Amino acid sequence: QLQLVESGGGLAQPGGSLTLSCSVSGFTFETYTIGWVRQAPGKEREGVSYIRSSDHTTYYADSVKGRFSISRDNAKNTVYLQLNSLRPEDTAIYYCAADRVATMFLDPSMEPDDFDGWGQGTQVTVSS
C-alpha cells in the first residue's frame, strides 16, 4: 500500500522560505514519479513540481519556476520541495503524490484517486 506523509508546512512571511518533505513507503520508491500538487481555496488543483523516477528530470509550473526546487533522496525514500521567495498566492494545501506516469501532474482536471498515491496534505500560509 502506497503511503505518503508530508511535513514542513507552516506560516511564512512574503519573501521567506519553507521546506516540505514527503516520506514514502509501501512501494518501490525508485520506480515512481513523485511530485507536489497544491490547492488554494476556491481554485483548481495545480501540479507544482515533480521529479521523474527514470532520470530525475524535474518539472516546475510557471508560477513557481525559479523559486521552488524539488529533489529526492532515494536512500531515505524522501522527496523535498524547497520553497523560496514565497508570495501570498503560494498559500495553499500542498499534497505529495506518486504515479508511474509523470504527465498526471499536468492534468488540470486531476483528482487524488487518479494517482497511485496521495498524501494527507500540509498547509502553507504566506502572510505578513
Foldseek 3Di string as FASTA:
>chain_A
DKAKAKDWADEAAQQAKIKMKIAIDDDQLLQKKKFKWWDDPPDFIATAKIAASPPRDMDGDPVQPPAKDWDDDNVRNMIMIMGGSDDQVVWTWMKMFIANDPCLNVDRPHDCVVGPYIYPTDTHGYHD
